[in-house]
Protein backbone atom coordinates (compact mmCIF):
# COMPACT_ATOMS: atom_id res chain seq x y z
CA UNK A 1 8.40 1.59 -16.11
CA UNK A 2 9.83 -1.64 -14.88
CA UNK A 3 12.10 -3.84 -17.04
CA UNK A 4 10.61 -7.09 -18.49
CA UNK A 5 13.57 -8.88 -16.85
CA UNK A 6 12.27 -7.85 -13.48
CA UNK A 7 8.86 -9.33 -14.12
CA UNK A 8 10.56 -12.45 -15.56
CA UNK A 9 12.65 -12.80 -12.38
CA UNK A 10 9.56 -12.72 -10.13
CA UNK A 11 7.77 -15.30 -12.35
CA UNK A 12 10.81 -17.57 -12.30
CA UNK A 13 11.17 -17.12 -8.52
CA UNK A 14 7.56 -18.23 -8.03
CA UNK A 15 8.42 -21.54 -9.89
CA UNK A 16 11.66 -21.98 -7.99
CA UNK A 17 11.19 -20.66 -4.51
CA UNK A 18 14.25 -22.21 -2.85
CA UNK A 19 17.65 -21.05 -1.62
CA UNK A 20 19.84 -22.94 -4.13
CA UNK A 21 17.99 -21.40 -7.08
CA UNK A 22 18.01 -17.99 -5.56
CA UNK A 23 21.74 -18.12 -4.87
CA UNK A 24 22.38 -19.20 -8.38
CA UNK A 25 20.33 -16.28 -9.71
CA UNK A 26 21.31 -13.70 -7.22
CA UNK A 27 22.74 -11.42 -9.87
CA UNK A 28 19.33 -11.33 -11.58
CA UNK A 29 17.74 -10.51 -8.24
CA UNK A 30 20.13 -7.63 -7.62
CA UNK A 31 19.30 -6.26 -11.10
CA UNK A 32 15.56 -6.54 -10.48
CA UNK A 33 15.95 -4.97 -7.00
CA UNK A 34 17.82 -2.02 -8.51
CA UNK A 35 15.26 -1.60 -11.25
CA UNK A 36 12.39 -1.60 -8.74
CA UNK A 37 14.32 0.87 -6.53
CA UNK A 38 14.84 3.26 -9.44
CA UNK A 39 11.15 3.13 -10.20
CA UNK A 40 10.09 3.79 -6.64
CA UNK A 41 12.49 6.74 -6.38
CA UNK A 42 10.91 8.25 -9.50
CA UNK A 43 7.47 7.86 -7.94
CA UNK A 44 8.65 9.47 -4.71
CA UNK A 45 10.18 12.41 -6.53
CA UNK A 46 7.03 13.02 -8.60
CA UNK A 47 4.64 12.42 -5.63
CA UNK A 48 6.60 14.90 -3.47
CA UNK A 49 5.47 17.74 -5.69
CA UNK A 50 1.95 17.24 -4.38
CA UNK A 51 2.81 15.66 -1.02
CA UNK A 52 5.86 17.32 0.50
CA UNK A 53 5.77 14.98 3.54
CA UNK A 54 7.45 12.28 1.44
CA UNK A 55 10.09 14.56 -0.14
CA UNK A 56 13.06 13.31 1.96
CA UNK A 57 12.32 9.59 1.49
CA UNK A 58 14.80 7.33 -0.27
CA UNK A 59 13.50 4.30 -2.19
CA UNK A 60 15.65 1.68 -0.46
CA UNK A 61 14.17 2.81 2.91
CA UNK A 62 10.67 2.21 1.68
CA UNK A 63 11.16 -1.20 0.08
CA UNK A 64 10.48 -4.51 1.88
CA UNK A 65 12.92 -7.39 2.12
CA UNK A 66 12.50 -10.30 -0.37
CA UNK A 67 12.97 -12.81 2.48
CA UNK A 68 9.91 -14.13 4.19
CA UNK A 69 9.60 -14.49 7.93
CA UNK A 70 8.64 -18.21 8.15
CA UNK A 71 8.89 -18.65 11.92
CA UNK A 72 5.09 -18.69 12.46
CA UNK A 73 4.00 -19.82 9.00
CA UNK A 74 3.06 -23.18 7.62
CA UNK A 75 4.43 -22.06 4.26
CA UNK A 76 8.17 -22.33 4.58
CA UNK A 77 9.00 -20.86 1.15
CA UNK A 78 11.96 -18.67 1.90
CA UNK A 79 11.19 -15.77 -0.49
CA UNK A 80 8.34 -13.43 -1.27
CA UNK A 81 7.24 -13.64 -4.93
CA UNK A 82 6.64 -9.90 -5.03
CA UNK A 83 8.38 -6.55 -4.60
CA UNK A 84 6.74 -4.00 -2.46
CA UNK A 85 7.25 -0.46 -1.23
CA UNK A 86 5.47 1.62 1.41
CA UNK A 87 5.91 5.38 1.01
CA UNK A 88 4.88 7.48 3.98
CA UNK A 89 5.98 10.30 6.24
CA UNK A 90 8.41 8.93 8.80
CA UNK A 91 9.34 5.86 6.79
CA UNK A 92 7.77 2.45 6.26
CA UNK A 93 7.83 1.54 10.00
CA UNK A 94 6.12 4.76 11.16
CA UNK A 95 2.53 4.75 12.52
CA UNK A 96 1.32 7.08 9.71
CA UNK A 97 -0.81 6.22 6.71
CA UNK A 98 0.97 6.12 3.36
CA UNK A 99 1.09 4.84 -0.18
CA UNK A 100 1.82 1.28 -1.28
CA UNK A 101 2.98 -0.33 -4.50
CA UNK A 102 2.88 -4.10 -4.95
CA UNK A 103 4.64 -5.75 -7.93
CA UNK A 104 3.67 -9.32 -8.35
CA UNK A 105 2.93 -10.81 -11.83
CA UNK A 106 -0.85 -11.40 -12.07
CA UNK A 107 -1.51 -9.72 -8.72
CA UNK A 108 0.03 -6.24 -8.87
CA UNK A 109 -1.78 -3.27 -7.37
CA UNK A 110 -1.29 0.25 -6.11
CA UNK A 111 -3.03 2.09 -3.25
CA UNK A 112 -2.42 2.53 0.37
CA UNK A 113 -3.90 3.85 3.69
CA UNK A 114 -3.41 2.57 7.20
CA UNK A 115 -3.07 -1.21 7.55
CA UNK A 116 -4.04 -2.96 10.84
CA UNK A 117 -3.09 -0.10 13.27
CA UNK A 118 -2.62 -0.79 16.93
CA UNK A 119 -5.61 0.01 19.24
CA UNK A 120 -4.57 3.58 20.21
CA UNK A 121 -4.14 4.64 16.52
CA UNK A 122 -7.23 2.68 15.49
CA UNK A 123 -9.33 4.50 18.05
CA UNK A 124 -8.05 7.87 16.94
CA UNK A 125 -8.96 7.24 13.31
CA UNK A 126 -12.47 5.96 14.33
CA UNK A 127 -12.99 8.98 16.47
CA UNK A 128 -11.97 11.31 13.63
CA UNK A 129 -14.37 9.57 11.26
CA UNK A 130 -17.19 9.76 13.81
CA UNK A 131 -16.61 13.41 14.56
CA UNK A 132 -16.03 14.55 10.96
CA UNK A 133 -17.99 11.97 8.90
CA UNK A 134 -19.32 14.63 6.51
CA UNK A 135 -15.77 15.56 5.50
CA UNK A 136 -14.70 11.92 5.34
CA UNK A 137 -17.69 10.92 3.27
CA UNK A 138 -17.10 13.76 0.88
CA UNK A 139 -13.56 12.47 0.28
CA UNK A 140 -14.43 8.84 -0.37
CA UNK A 141 -17.61 9.77 -2.37
CA UNK A 142 -15.79 12.05 -4.78
CA UNK A 143 -15.92 11.08 -8.43
CA UNK A 144 -12.11 11.01 -8.68
CA UNK A 145 -11.69 8.64 -5.72
CA UNK A 146 -14.56 6.31 -6.75
CA UNK A 147 -13.29 6.11 -10.37
CA UNK A 148 -9.93 4.77 -9.20
CA UNK A 149 -10.63 2.89 -5.97
CA UNK A 150 -14.50 2.59 -5.71
CA UNK A 151 -14.35 2.54 -1.89
CA UNK A 152 -12.20 1.43 1.05
CA UNK A 153 -11.43 -2.27 1.07
CA UNK A 154 -14.04 -4.45 2.67
CA UNK A 155 -12.05 -7.66 2.75
CA UNK A 156 -13.22 -9.81 5.64
CA UNK A 157 -9.93 -9.51 7.52
CA UNK A 158 -10.43 -5.77 7.66
CA UNK A 159 -13.98 -5.68 9.11
CA UNK A 160 -15.57 -6.24 12.47
CA UNK A 161 -18.83 -8.10 12.59
CA UNK A 162 -20.15 -5.68 15.19
CA UNK A 163 -19.67 -2.02 15.85
CA UNK A 164 -16.86 -1.23 18.35
CA UNK A 165 -17.91 -0.39 21.91
CA UNK A 166 -19.05 3.20 22.34
CA UNK A 167 -20.84 3.58 18.96
CA UNK A 168 -24.57 3.20 18.37
CA UNK A 169 -26.09 1.09 15.57
CA UNK A 170 -27.70 4.09 13.90
CA UNK A 171 -24.39 5.97 13.58
CA UNK A 172 -24.19 7.21 9.95
CA UNK A 173 -20.54 6.16 9.85
CA UNK A 174 -21.16 2.66 11.16
CA UNK A 175 -19.85 0.80 8.11
CA UNK A 176 -16.52 2.64 8.39
CA UNK A 177 -16.30 2.44 12.15
CA UNK A 178 -16.29 -1.37 11.82
CA UNK A 179 -13.09 -1.27 9.78
CA UNK A 180 -9.83 -2.52 11.30
CA UNK A 181 -7.81 -1.21 8.32
CA UNK A 182 -8.39 1.81 6.25
CA UNK A 183 -6.96 0.90 2.88
CA UNK A 184 -7.86 1.29 -0.79
CA UNK A 185 -6.39 -0.59 -3.69
CA UNK A 186 -6.63 -0.66 -7.48
CA UNK A 187 -5.17 -3.47 -9.60
CA UNK A 188 -2.54 -3.27 -12.24
CA UNK A 189 -2.18 -5.44 -15.35
CA UNK A 190 1.15 -7.00 -16.13
CA UNK A 191 1.25 -4.83 -19.25
CA UNK A 192 1.02 -1.76 -16.99
CA UNK A 193 4.18 -2.75 -15.22
CA UNK A 194 6.41 -2.47 -18.23
CA UNK A 195 4.51 0.54 -19.73
CA UNK A 196 6.29 3.83 -20.03
CA UNK A 197 3.30 5.40 -18.31
CA UNK A 198 3.72 3.34 -15.07
CA UNK A 199 5.27 6.19 -13.02
CA UNK A 200 2.57 8.60 -14.16
CA UNK A 201 -0.22 6.11 -13.55
CA UNK A 202 1.06 5.25 -10.10
CA UNK A 203 1.54 8.90 -9.00
CA UNK A 204 -1.93 9.73 -10.27
CA UNK A 205 -3.39 6.90 -8.17
CA UNK A 206 -1.48 8.04 -5.11
CA UNK A 207 -2.57 11.66 -5.60
CA UNK A 208 -6.16 10.47 -5.71
CA UNK A 209 -5.65 8.69 -2.41
CA UNK A 210 -3.89 11.68 -0.87
CA UNK A 211 -7.00 13.27 0.76
CA UNK A 212 -7.73 9.98 2.56
CA UNK A 213 -4.10 9.79 3.74
CA UNK A 214 -4.24 13.38 4.97
CA UNK A 215 -7.53 12.75 6.87
CA UNK A 216 -6.07 9.68 8.63
CA UNK A 217 -2.78 11.29 9.37
CA UNK A 218 -4.44 14.38 10.83
CA UNK A 219 -6.24 12.14 13.33
CA UNK A 220 -2.97 10.45 14.28
CA UNK A 221 -1.14 13.70 14.76
CA UNK A 222 -3.65 15.12 17.15
């Protein structure tokens, strides 16, 4: 579970997203960061029992900075109003698919996959889906997967309007070959964040996603 003070800090930060306020409340930030880190480490340790590829990971190496990169953004707010962690083999900057936890009051979620890969990796995943669509479809059509995630995300930013070159319109995997990201997400309530069952709930969601992660990473490793 996460401490109520961590959630409060993020809510307060959203109302006061400026450096003077942040500097004044830096101790509260450090407490929230430590709390989130402890939670993520618990998740890693539990998840590693089913997915040994994450066994050596340390929470602080999976967590994202609170500072925003505002160089190319119209929004110059200096800080993110969330805490996030990406758990995957090779670390958060590796090319492999992994698990993601997003803590943001009112907009929290858990899930993962492969987000906006570069063309070489994207082509490998599409090729694997095309060659082994029966196996892929079995994974994403399973009752367990559908009960948690329903399907891979179809957000407009993740989908091409047309099939990529080299694939025919009647390809049975067409709707998945159009994807530019292969991610699945399930939302969390604010009450989930401070629940004693948060670690268990998160690990269960990640374990449900694991067959998708394995399928994607197998294509990238080949």
